[in-house]
Protein backbone atom coordinates (compact mmCIF):
# COMPACT_ATOMS: atom_id res chain seq x y z
CA UNK A 1 167.07 15.88 19.64
CA UNK A 2 164.20 16.18 17.15
CA UNK A 3 162.64 13.08 18.22
CA UNK A 4 162.71 14.25 22.26
CA UNK A 5 161.43 17.75 21.19
CA UNK A 6 158.70 16.21 19.01
CA UNK A 7 157.18 13.95 21.81
CA UNK A 8 157.59 16.88 24.05
CA UNK A 9 155.40 19.06 21.47
CA UNK A 10 153.01 16.42 20.84
CA UNK A 11 152.43 15.72 24.76
CA UNK A 12 149.31 16.90 26.36
CA UNK A 13 149.47 18.64 29.89
CA UNK A 14 148.33 15.92 32.23
CA UNK A 15 148.32 15.54 36.15
CA UNK A 16 151.93 14.71 37.17
CA UNK A 17 152.87 11.22 38.66
CA UNK A 18 154.45 10.24 41.57
CA UNK A 19 157.96 12.25 40.64
CA UNK A 20 156.33 15.53 40.40
CA UNK A 21 157.53 16.76 37.12
CA UNK A 22 155.47 18.60 34.96
CA UNK A 23 155.27 18.19 30.95
CA UNK A 24 155.60 22.15 31.16
CA UNK A 25 158.88 21.71 32.96
CA UNK A 26 160.22 19.34 30.67
CA UNK A 27 159.10 21.67 27.89
CA UNK A 28 161.01 24.67 29.30
CA UNK A 29 164.20 23.09 29.86
CA UNK A 30 167.47 24.48 28.21
CA UNK A 31 168.90 22.78 25.60
CA UNK A 32 171.98 21.87 27.63
CA UNK A 33 169.63 20.00 29.95
CA UNK A 34 167.16 18.55 27.35
CA UNK A 35 170.29 16.64 25.82
CA UNK A 36 171.31 15.48 29.21
CA UNK A 37 167.64 14.09 29.14
CA UNK A 38 168.22 12.37 25.67
CA UNK A 39 171.33 10.95 27.17
CA UNK A 40 169.75 9.39 30.11
CA UNK A 41 166.61 8.25 27.79
CA UNK A 42 169.25 6.76 25.32
CA UNK A 43 170.68 4.97 27.94
CA UNK A 44 167.83 3.46 29.61
CA UNK A 45 166.80 2.14 26.12
CA UNK A 46 170.45 0.60 25.30
CA UNK A 47 170.86 -0.75 28.83
CA UNK A 48 167.36 -1.78 29.12
CA UNK A 49 168.10 -0.51 32.79
CA UNK A 50 164.20 0.69 33.66
CA UNK A 51 164.49 3.12 36.61
CA UNK A 52 162.71 1.77 39.66
CA UNK A 53 160.69 4.72 40.59
CA UNK A 54 158.65 4.32 37.21
CA UNK A 55 157.27 1.32 38.03
CA UNK A 56 155.08 3.33 40.54
CA UNK A 57 152.02 5.31 39.92
CA UNK A 58 149.32 7.16 41.80
CA UNK A 59 145.92 5.42 41.10
CA UNK A 60 143.30 8.08 41.40
CA UNK A 61 139.58 6.76 41.32
CA UNK A 62 137.50 9.06 38.87
CA UNK A 63 133.48 8.90 38.88
CA UNK A 64 131.92 7.59 35.64
CA UNK A 65 129.51 10.33 33.95
CA UNK A 66 126.08 10.08 35.00
CA UNK A 67 126.43 7.58 38.13
CA UNK A 68 125.80 7.13 41.37
CA UNK A 69 128.86 8.42 42.68
CA UNK A 70 128.16 6.73 46.14
CA UNK A 71 128.55 3.34 44.50
CA UNK A 72 132.24 2.29 44.53
CA UNK A 73 131.68 0.03 41.60
CA UNK A 74 130.76 3.52 39.64
CA UNK A 75 134.65 4.82 39.64
CA UNK A 76 137.10 3.97 37.13
CA UNK A 77 140.76 3.85 38.02
CA UNK A 78 143.13 6.36 36.42
CA UNK A 79 147.19 5.63 36.70
CA UNK A 80 149.36 8.46 37.11
CA UNK A 81 152.25 7.71 36.14
CA UNK A 82 155.86 9.73 35.61
CA UNK A 83 156.01 12.31 32.56
CA UNK A 84 159.56 11.22 31.89
CA UNK A 85 158.56 7.72 31.56
CA UNK A 86 155.97 8.46 29.19
CA UNK A 87 158.29 10.37 27.04
CA UNK A 88 160.90 7.58 27.15
CA UNK A 89 157.56 5.38 25.93
CA UNK A 90 156.90 7.62 22.83
CA UNK A 91 160.73 7.28 21.76
CA UNK A 92 160.80 3.89 21.59
CA UNK A 93 160.09 2.37 18.72
CA UNK A 94 157.28 -0.57 18.40
CA UNK A 95 158.88 -4.13 18.40
CA UNK A 96 157.88 -4.66 14.97
CA UNK A 97 159.62 -1.55 13.71
CA UNK A 98 162.79 -3.12 15.46
CA UNK A 99 162.30 -6.29 13.81
CA UNK A 100 161.85 -4.91 10.34
CA UNK A 101 164.96 -2.78 11.14
CA UNK A 102 166.97 -5.92 12.21
CA UNK A 103 165.86 -7.78 9.24
CA UNK A 104 166.73 -5.26 6.98
CA UNK A 105 170.37 -5.14 8.41
CA UNK A 106 170.83 -8.52 7.78
């Protein structure tokens, strides 16, 4: 539970993704809902069953600073993804750490 709370505390408020779930909503969940979220994220990590809805994002064009906004090449794309998906990625250890843990076990 500490990992989840730490990840939520480190998250900055950003635009919502296709699921319309905001970090502030996640930060204010009651403890029983946070436990359920933790269990769901752990299950996703263990089974490798990635929710199909997390494969989608809203892409928003953002104009580059001090550039002519009438020229389409002066925009950069920003992909707005699910906050729950971002939290899940933050809780997943990098592959090098997983490999070190595996080597240490055997």
